[in-house]
Amino acid sequence: MKERVSAAAKLLKGFGGIIEVQSRNGGLVLRSWGCPLAALTSENNAACRVIEGLLTEYLTAKVVTCCEFTPEPRCCFQVGK
C-alpha cells in the first residue's frame, strides 16, 4: 500500500502541492505544508472532498480528509487504518 500512496503523492504534486507520506495511527497520511487549492478551499472545502474521492478511487482504500483550514491551509488525507 505504501507504494500506491507514494504514487498518489506524486499525483497530487501535479496539482502544485508538495506532499509527504507519513505514518499515523496505524495508517498512512498524505500531508502538504500548503494548499494548492487554497483559493477554492478558503470559502468552501468541497474541493478537498473531490480530492478525497479521487484518492479513494485511485487507492481503492478508504481516504478521509484531515485538511487544516487555518490562515495557512494545509492539505491532509488519512489513508486506511
C-alpha atoms as a PDB file:
ATOM      1  CA  MET A   1       0.000   0.000   0.000  1.00  0.00           C
ATOM      2  CA  LYS A   2       2.846   2.408   0.789  1.00  0.00           C
ATOM      3  CA  GLU A   3       3.975   2.283  -2.866  1.00  0.00           C
ATOM      4  CA  ARG A   4       0.455   3.209  -4.055  1.00  0.00           C
ATOM      5  CA  VAL A   5       0.271   6.045  -1.530  1.00  0.00           C
ATOM      6  CA  SER A   6       3.649   7.334  -2.735  1.00  0.00           C
ATOM      7  CA  ALA A   7       2.291   7.237  -6.295  1.00  0.00           C
ATOM      8  CA  ALA A   8      -0.776   9.169  -5.095  1.00  0.00           C
ATOM      9  CA  ALA A   9       1.553  11.772  -3.566  1.00  0.00           C
ATOM     10  CA  LYS A  10       3.156  12.219  -6.990  1.00  0.00           C
ATOM     11  CA  LEU A  11      -0.322  12.591  -8.483  1.00  0.00           C
ATOM     12  CA  LEU A  12      -1.138  15.374  -6.013  1.00  0.00           C
ATOM     13  CA  LYS A  13       2.167  17.098  -6.770  1.00  0.00           C
ATOM     14  CA  GLY A  14       0.724  17.587 -10.244  1.00  0.00           C
ATOM     15  CA  PHE A  15      -1.821  19.941  -8.640  1.00  0.00           C
ATOM     16  CA  GLY A  16       1.043  22.022  -7.273  1.00  0.00           C
ATOM     17  CA  GLY A  17       1.312  20.614  -3.761  1.00  0.00           C
ATOM     18  CA  ILE A  18       4.431  19.370  -2.037  1.00  0.00           C
ATOM     19  CA  ILE A  19       3.168  16.185  -0.436  1.00  0.00           C
ATOM     20  CA  GLU A  20       4.806  13.989   2.200  1.00  0.00           C
ATOM     21  CA  VAL A  21       3.738  10.465   3.138  1.00  0.00           C
ATOM     22  CA  GLN A  22       3.647   9.986   6.915  1.00  0.00           C
ATOM     23  CA  SER A  23       2.582   7.156   9.244  1.00  0.00           C
ATOM     24  CA  ARG A  24      -0.169   7.967  11.719  1.00  0.00           C
ATOM     25  CA  ASN A  25      -2.453   5.822  13.900  1.00  0.00           C
ATOM     26  CA  GLY A  26      -1.714   2.621  12.009  1.00  0.00           C
ATOM     27  CA  GLY A  27      -2.414   4.216   8.629  1.00  0.00           C
ATOM     28  CA  LEU A  28      -0.723   6.485   6.148  1.00  0.00           C
ATOM     29  CA  VAL A  29      -1.264  10.201   5.704  1.00  0.00           C
ATOM     30  CA  LEU A  30      -0.657  12.380   2.677  1.00  0.00           C
ATOM     31  CA  ARG A  31       0.225  15.821   4.086  1.00  0.00           C
ATOM     32  CA  SER A  32       1.211  19.080   2.480  1.00  0.00           C
ATOM     33  CA  TRP A  33       2.685  22.154   4.134  1.00  0.00           C
ATOM     34  CA  GLY A  34       0.460  24.299   1.966  1.00  0.00           C
ATOM     35  CA  CYS A  35      -2.679  24.025  -0.122  1.00  0.00           C
ATOM     36  CA  PRO A  36      -2.515  24.450  -3.893  1.00  0.00           C
ATOM     37  CA  LEU A  37      -6.319  24.814  -3.844  1.00  0.00           C
ATOM     38  CA  ALA A  38      -6.409  27.455  -1.093  1.00  0.00           C
ATOM     39  CA  ALA A  39      -8.241  29.944  -3.324  1.00  0.00           C
ATOM     40  CA  LEU A  40     -11.105  27.435  -3.507  1.00  0.00           C
ATOM     41  CA  THR A  41     -10.974  25.918  -0.031  1.00  0.00           C
ATOM     42  CA  SER A  42     -10.927  29.207   1.865  1.00  0.00           C
ATOM     43  CA  GLU A  43     -14.619  29.646   1.010  1.00  0.00           C
ATOM     44  CA  ASN A  44     -15.726  26.017   0.696  1.00  0.00           C
ATOM     45  CA  ASN A  45     -13.950  22.762   1.476  1.00  0.00           C
ATOM     46  CA  ALA A  46     -15.781  20.876  -1.302  1.00  0.00           C
ATOM     47  CA  ALA A  47     -12.537  20.850  -3.318  1.00  0.00           C
ATOM     48  CA  CYS A  48     -10.971  18.773  -0.525  1.00  0.00           C
ATOM     49  CA  ARG A  49     -13.842  16.294  -0.768  1.00  0.00           C
ATOM     50  CA  VAL A  50     -13.286  15.999  -4.516  1.00  0.00           C
ATOM     51  CA  ILE A  51      -9.614  15.139  -3.920  1.00  0.00           C
ATOM     52  CA  GLU A  52     -10.698  12.715  -1.165  1.00  0.00           C
ATOM     53  CA  GLY A  53     -12.921  10.936  -3.703  1.00  0.00           C
ATOM     54  CA  LEU A  54     -10.171  10.898  -6.312  1.00  0.00           C
ATOM     55  CA  LEU A  55      -7.732   9.348  -3.840  1.00  0.00           C
ATOM     56  CA  THR A  56     -10.317   6.794  -2.673  1.00  0.00           C
ATOM     57  CA  GLU A  57     -10.803   5.639  -6.262  1.00  0.00           C
ATOM     58  CA  TYR A  58      -7.091   5.722  -7.095  1.00  0.00           C
ATOM     59  CA  LEU A  59      -6.012   3.816  -3.989  1.00  0.00           C
ATOM     60  CA  THR A  60      -9.104   1.594  -3.721  1.00  0.00           C
ATOM     61  CA  ALA A  61      -8.950   2.304   0.009  1.00  0.00           C
ATOM     62  CA  LYS A  62     -10.832   4.474   2.455  1.00  0.00           C
ATOM     63  CA  VAL A  63      -9.490   8.033   2.445  1.00  0.00           C
ATOM     64  CA  VAL A  64     -10.645  10.744   4.856  1.00  0.00           C
ATOM     65  CA  THR A  65      -9.882  14.437   4.615  1.00  0.00           C
ATOM     66  CA  CYS A  66      -7.971  15.866   7.577  1.00  0.00           C
ATOM     67  CA  CYS A  67      -7.142  19.213   5.935  1.00  0.00           C
ATOM     68  CA  GLU A  68      -6.378  22.234   8.124  1.00  0.00           C
ATOM     69  CA  PHE A  69      -8.375  25.364   7.381  1.00  0.00           C
ATOM     70  CA  THR A  70      -6.193  27.882   9.171  1.00  0.00           C
ATOM     71  CA  PRO A  71      -4.916  31.187   7.785  1.00  0.00           C
ATOM     72  CA  GLU A  72      -2.242  28.998   6.144  1.00  0.00           C
ATOM     73  CA  PRO A  73      -4.307  25.991   4.951  1.00  0.00           C
ATOM     74  CA  ARG A  74      -2.659  22.575   4.651  1.00  0.00           C
ATOM     75  CA  CYS A  75      -3.818  19.509   2.744  1.00  0.00           C
ATOM     76  CA  CYS A  76      -4.114  16.259   4.679  1.00  0.00           C
ATOM     77  CA  PHE A  77      -5.639  12.918   3.693  1.00  0.00           C
ATOM     78  CA  GLN A  78      -5.715   9.886   6.013  1.00  0.00           C
ATOM     79  CA  VAL A  79      -5.491   6.601   4.104  1.00  0.00           C
ATOM     80  CA  GLY A  80      -6.866   3.473   5.735  1.00  0.00           C
ATOM     81  CA  LYS A  81      -6.293   2.425   9.322  1.00  0.00           C
END
